Amino acid sequence: MDAEIQVGLTRAEQREDRKLFVGMLNKQQSEDDVRRLFEAFGNIEECTILRGPDGNSKGCAFVKYSSHAEAQAAINALHGSQTMPGASSSLVVKFADTDKERTMRRMQQMAGQMGMFNPMAIQFGAYGAYAQAVMLHPFDSKMWPSARFVHRTEVLLNTLSR
């Protein structure tokens, strides 16, 4: 009896992610320092330290590898492995968010900052469908402008999650 074996791919593998977010770097580290730390895991195509308007490092960077396997090897070896001098906690190494994920997070942050409601996206199922749970503050639940804003934002969040 022949049976097919199906191996599921992670979200990152499905997208063939190669770009990493690196957080909790020493703010004095240069691109060359970051390259040296990550080059042992593969060919680095891009290395960019994020900087503020004043030109100073924000203590994080993006590193892009030639392949998903190289990026995954760097995550496996470096995430949480060490605390850089001057950093408050251990090194964070993860796949960088996609534009869609970044937009969703920003929408959720803006909605929370407005104090009108607290959106919560819950991912489930193989296709990444999202259920939106929206909780109104008691004083907002009777205000029509708030209800219209909640509805429009909820529709936008649901559209972005597809």
C-alpha atoms as a PDB file:
ATOM      1  CA  MET A   1       0.000   0.000   0.000  1.00  0.00           C
ATOM      2  CA  ASP A   2       1.600   3.231  -1.149  1.00  0.00           C
ATOM      3  CA  ALA A   3       0.803   6.281   0.874  1.00  0.00           C
ATOM      4  CA  GLU A   4       1.854   9.800   0.041  1.00  0.00           C
ATOM      5  CA  ILE A   5       3.670  11.678   2.722  1.00  0.00           C
ATOM      6  CA  GLN A   6       2.971  15.375   2.764  1.00  0.00           C
ATOM      7  CA  VAL A   7       5.444  17.641   4.428  1.00  0.00           C
ATOM      8  CA  GLY A   8       4.118  21.012   5.429  1.00  0.00           C
ATOM      9  CA  LEU A   9       6.194  24.097   4.817  1.00  0.00           C
ATOM     10  CA  THR A  10       6.490  26.899   7.312  1.00  0.00           C
ATOM     11  CA  ARG A  11       5.210  30.355   6.390  1.00  0.00           C
ATOM     12  CA  ALA A  12       8.798  31.503   5.850  1.00  0.00           C
ATOM     13  CA  GLU A  13       9.618  28.552   3.585  1.00  0.00           C
ATOM     14  CA  GLN A  14       6.477  29.140   1.521  1.00  0.00           C
ATOM     15  CA  ARG A  15       7.600  32.718   0.893  1.00  0.00           C
ATOM     16  CA  GLU A  16      11.228  31.647   0.491  1.00  0.00           C
ATOM     17  CA  ASP A  17      12.307  34.287   2.981  1.00  0.00           C
ATOM     18  CA  ARG A  18      15.912  35.325   2.864  1.00  0.00           C
ATOM     19  CA  LYS A  19      15.764  38.644   4.691  1.00  0.00           C
ATOM     20  CA  LEU A  20      16.346  38.744   8.442  1.00  0.00           C
ATOM     21  CA  PHE A  21      15.597  41.331  11.088  1.00  0.00           C
ATOM     22  CA  VAL A  22      18.361  41.583  13.674  1.00  0.00           C
ATOM     23  CA  GLY A  23      17.608  43.370  16.935  1.00  0.00           C
ATOM     24  CA  MET A  24      19.471  44.174  20.154  1.00  0.00           C
ATOM     25  CA  LEU A  25      22.694  45.130  18.411  1.00  0.00           C
ATOM     26  CA  ASN A  26      25.245  47.400  20.003  1.00  0.00           C
ATOM     27  CA  LYS A  27      24.524  50.888  18.662  1.00  0.00           C
ATOM     28  CA  GLN A  28      28.228  51.328  17.892  1.00  0.00           C
ATOM     29  CA  GLN A  29      28.347  48.352  15.506  1.00  0.00           C
ATOM     30  CA  SER A  30      28.906  49.063  11.810  1.00  0.00           C
ATOM     31  CA  GLU A  31      27.573  47.197   8.774  1.00  0.00           C
ATOM     32  CA  ASP A  32      30.975  45.503   8.537  1.00  0.00           C
ATOM     33  CA  ASP A  33      30.676  44.265  12.138  1.00  0.00           C
ATOM     34  CA  VAL A  34      27.229  42.813  11.421  1.00  0.00           C
ATOM     35  CA  ARG A  35      28.478  41.212   8.189  1.00  0.00           C
ATOM     36  CA  ARG A  36      31.327  39.538  10.080  1.00  0.00           C
ATOM     37  CA  LEU A  37      28.866  38.137  12.619  1.00  0.00           C
ATOM     38  CA  PHE A  38      26.537  36.720   9.942  1.00  0.00           C
ATOM     39  CA  GLU A  39      28.865  35.747   7.065  1.00  0.00           C
ATOM     40  CA  ALA A  40      29.639  32.346   8.577  1.00  0.00           C
ATOM     41  CA  PHE A  41      26.136  31.191   7.616  1.00  0.00           C
ATOM     42  CA  GLY A  42      26.178  32.057   3.918  1.00  0.00           C
ATOM     43  CA  ASN A  43      26.472  34.661   1.204  1.00  0.00           C
ATOM     44  CA  ILE A  44      25.126  38.035   2.362  1.00  0.00           C
ATOM     45  CA  GLU A  45      23.517  40.077  -0.425  1.00  0.00           C
ATOM     46  CA  GLU A  46      22.567  43.099   1.703  1.00  0.00           C
ATOM     47  CA  CYS A  47      23.326  44.378   5.189  1.00  0.00           C
ATOM     48  CA  THR A  48      21.695  47.573   6.423  1.00  0.00           C
ATOM     49  CA  ILE A  49      21.752  49.068   9.904  1.00  0.00           C
ATOM     50  CA  LEU A  50      18.634  51.100  10.670  1.00  0.00           C
ATOM     51  CA  ARG A  51      19.441  54.676  11.590  1.00  0.00           C
ATOM     52  CA  GLY A  52      17.470  57.575  13.000  1.00  0.00           C
ATOM     53  CA  PRO A  53      17.232  61.037  11.421  1.00  0.00           C
ATOM     54  CA  ASP A  54      20.405  62.007  13.294  1.00  0.00           C
ATOM     55  CA  GLY A  55      22.333  59.173  11.628  1.00  0.00           C
ATOM     56  CA  ASN A  56      22.776  57.184  14.829  1.00  0.00           C
ATOM     57  CA  SER A  57      22.096  53.454  14.854  1.00  0.00           C
ATOM     58  CA  LYS A  58      18.768  52.261  16.245  1.00  0.00           C
ATOM     59  CA  GLY A  59      20.441  49.016  17.382  1.00  0.00           C
ATOM     60  CA  CYS A  60      18.868  46.867  14.673  1.00  0.00           C
ATOM     61  CA  ALA A  61      19.578  45.809  11.111  1.00  0.00           C
ATOM     62  CA  PHE A  62      18.378  43.839   8.104  1.00  0.00           C
ATOM     63  CA  VAL A  63      20.549  41.078   6.640  1.00  0.00           C
ATOM     64  CA  LYS A  64      19.593  39.436   3.340  1.00  0.00           C
ATOM     65  CA  TYR A  65      21.075  36.072   2.345  1.00  0.00           C
ATOM     66  CA  SER A  66      21.244  34.340  -1.035  1.00  0.00           C
ATOM     67  CA  SER A  67      19.001  31.496   0.135  1.00  0.00           C
ATOM     68  CA  HIS A  68      16.353  30.625   2.672  1.00  0.00           C
ATOM     69  CA  ALA A  69      18.530  27.823   4.090  1.00  0.00           C
ATOM     70  CA  GLU A  70      21.360  30.263   4.869  1.00  0.00           C
ATOM     71  CA  ALA A  71      18.962  32.642   6.600  1.00  0.00           C
ATOM     72  CA  GLN A  72      17.461  29.794   8.642  1.00  0.00           C
ATOM     73  CA  ALA A  73      20.947  28.628   9.678  1.00  0.00           C
ATOM     74  CA  ALA A  74      21.736  32.135  10.972  1.00  0.00           C
ATOM     75  CA  ILE A  75      18.492  32.229  12.973  1.00  0.00           C
ATOM     76  CA  ASN A  76      19.149  28.787  14.466  1.00  0.00           C
ATOM     77  CA  ALA A  77      22.687  29.690  15.511  1.00  0.00           C
ATOM     78  CA  LEU A  78      22.381  33.327  16.599  1.00  0.00           C
ATOM     79  CA  HIS A  79      18.884  34.044  17.957  1.00  0.00           C
ATOM     80  CA  GLY A  80      19.204  34.488  21.714  1.00  0.00           C
ATOM     81  CA  SER A  81      22.772  33.226  21.631  1.00  0.00           C
ATOM     82  CA  GLN A  82      24.532  36.278  23.062  1.00  0.00           C
ATOM     83  CA  THR A  83      24.023  39.719  24.494  1.00  0.00           C
ATOM     84  CA  MET A  84      25.935  42.384  22.634  1.00  0.00           C
ATOM     85  CA  PRO A  85      27.875  44.933  24.729  1.00  0.00           C
ATOM     86  CA  GLY A  86      25.556  47.848  25.497  1.00  0.00           C
ATOM     87  CA  ALA A  87      22.369  45.926  24.589  1.00  0.00           C
ATOM     88  CA  SER A  88      19.620  45.360  27.147  1.00  0.00           C
ATOM     89  CA  SER A  89      18.882  41.739  26.185  1.00  0.00           C
ATOM     90  CA  SER A  90      20.046  38.897  23.950  1.00  0.00           C
ATOM     91  CA  LEU A  91      20.334  39.112  20.192  1.00  0.00           C
ATOM     92  CA  VAL A  92      17.061  38.852  18.233  1.00  0.00           C
ATOM     93  CA  VAL A  93      17.325  37.196  14.824  1.00  0.00           C
ATOM     94  CA  LYS A  94      14.129  36.427  12.912  1.00  0.00           C
ATOM     95  CA  PHE A  95      12.667  36.579   9.429  1.00  0.00           C
ATOM     96  CA  ALA A  96      11.774  40.155   8.526  1.00  0.00           C
ATOM     97  CA  ASP A  97       8.077  40.976   8.282  1.00  0.00           C
ATOM     98  CA  THR A  98       6.501  41.214   4.845  1.00  0.00           C
ATOM     99  CA  ASP A  99       4.868  44.465   3.735  1.00  0.00           C
ATOM    100  CA  LYS A 100       1.469  42.928   4.468  1.00  0.00           C
ATOM    101  CA  GLU A 101       2.442  41.920   8.018  1.00  0.00           C
ATOM    102  CA  ARG A 102       3.976  45.336   8.671  1.00  0.00           C
ATOM    103  CA  THR A 103       0.821  47.114   7.447  1.00  0.00           C
ATOM    104  CA  MET A 104      -1.391  44.909   9.640  1.00  0.00           C
ATOM    105  CA  ARG A 105       0.754  45.596  12.710  1.00  0.00           C
ATOM    106  CA  ARG A 106       0.722  49.360  12.086  1.00  0.00           C
ATOM    107  CA  MET A 107      -3.066  49.385  11.675  1.00  0.00           C
ATOM    108  CA  GLN A 108      -3.465  47.495  14.937  1.00  0.00           C
ATOM    109  CA  GLN A 109      -1.069  49.853  16.742  1.00  0.00           C
ATOM    110  CA  MET A 110      -2.851  52.954  15.431  1.00  0.00           C
ATOM    111  CA  ALA A 111      -6.244  51.604  16.462  1.00  0.00           C
ATOM    112  CA  GLY A 112      -4.965  50.789  19.950  1.00  0.00           C
ATOM    113  CA  GLN A 113      -3.387  54.229  20.347  1.00  0.00           C
ATOM    114  CA  MET A 114      -6.679  55.904  19.490  1.00  0.00           C
ATOM    115  CA  GLY A 115      -8.220  54.127  22.488  1.00  0.00           C
ATOM    116  CA  MET A 116     -11.377  53.369  20.572  1.00  0.00           C
ATOM    117  CA  PHE A 117     -10.978  49.645  20.310  1.00  0.00           C
ATOM    118  CA  ASN A 118      -8.486  46.876  20.631  1.00  0.00           C
ATOM    119  CA  PRO A 119      -8.202  44.788  17.431  1.00  0.00           C
ATOM    120  CA  MET A 120      -6.821  41.314  17.727  1.00  0.00           C
ATOM    121  CA  ALA A 121      -5.995  39.221  14.653  1.00  0.00           C
ATOM    122  CA  ILE A 122      -6.068  35.495  15.217  1.00  0.00           C
ATOM    123  CA  GLN A 123      -4.548  33.373  12.462  1.00  0.00           C
ATOM    124  CA  PHE A 124      -5.970  29.931  11.852  1.00  0.00           C
ATOM    125  CA  GLY A 125      -6.229  27.355   9.114  1.00  0.00           C
ATOM    126  CA  ALA A 126      -3.916  26.478   6.264  1.00  0.00           C
ATOM    127  CA  TYR A 127      -4.710  29.605   4.273  1.00  0.00           C
ATOM    128  CA  GLY A 128      -3.996  32.149   6.964  1.00  0.00           C
ATOM    129  CA  ALA A 129      -7.538  33.429   7.385  1.00  0.00           C
ATOM    130  CA  TYR A 130      -7.931  35.990  10.112  1.00  0.00           C
ATOM    131  CA  ALA A 131     -10.758  36.475  12.517  1.00  0.00           C
ATOM    132  CA  GLN A 132     -11.114  39.975  13.846  1.00  0.00           C
ATOM    133  CA  ALA A 133     -12.127  40.420  17.435  1.00  0.00           C
ATOM    134  CA  VAL A 134     -13.028  44.012  18.166  1.00  0.00           C
ATOM    135  CA  MET A 135     -13.751  45.239  21.669  1.00  0.00           C
ATOM    136  CA  LEU A 136     -15.274  48.689  22.095  1.00  0.00           C
ATOM    137  CA  HIS A 137     -14.844  50.699  25.239  1.00  0.00           C
ATOM    138  CA  PRO A 138     -18.241  51.101  26.971  1.00  0.00           C
ATOM    139  CA  PHE A 139     -18.440  54.858  26.320  1.00  0.00           C
ATOM    140  CA  ASP A 140     -17.618  54.356  22.626  1.00  0.00           C
ATOM    141  CA  SER A 141     -20.174  51.658  21.936  1.00  0.00           C
ATOM    142  CA  LYS A 142     -23.025  54.185  21.711  1.00  0.00           C
ATOM    143  CA  MET A 143     -21.168  56.699  19.558  1.00  0.00           C
ATOM    144  CA  TRP A 144     -21.942  56.324  15.859  1.00  0.00           C
ATOM    145  CA  PRO A 145     -18.691  57.833  14.551  1.00  0.00           C
ATOM    146  CA  SER A 146     -16.725  55.273  16.533  1.00  0.00           C
ATOM    147  CA  ALA A 147     -18.868  52.431  15.281  1.00  0.00           C
ATOM    148  CA  ARG A 148     -18.409  53.556  11.668  1.00  0.00           C
ATOM    149  CA  PHE A 149     -14.639  53.844  12.204  1.00  0.00           C
ATOM    150  CA  VAL A 150     -14.528  50.355  13.733  1.00  0.00           C
ATOM    151  CA  HIS A 151     -16.445  48.903  10.791  1.00  0.00           C
ATOM    152  CA  ARG A 152     -14.225  50.577   8.182  1.00  0.00           C
ATOM    153  CA  THR A 153     -11.014  49.598   9.958  1.00  0.00           C
ATOM    154  CA  GLU A 154     -12.240  46.036  10.419  1.00  0.00           C
ATOM    155  CA  VAL A 155     -13.013  45.784   6.685  1.00  0.00           C
ATOM    156  CA  LEU A 156      -9.574  47.209   5.842  1.00  0.00           C
ATOM    157  CA  LEU A 157      -7.805  44.796   8.211  1.00  0.00           C
ATOM    158  CA  ASN A 158      -9.727  41.843   6.778  1.00  0.00           C
ATOM    159  CA  THR A 159      -8.899  42.938   3.225  1.00  0.00           C
ATOM    160  CA  LEU A 160      -5.177  43.321   4.041  1.00  0.00           C
ATOM    161  CA  SER A 161      -5.032  39.877   5.631  1.00  0.00           C
ATOM    162  CA  ARG A 162      -6.016  38.118   2.387  1.00  0.00           C
END
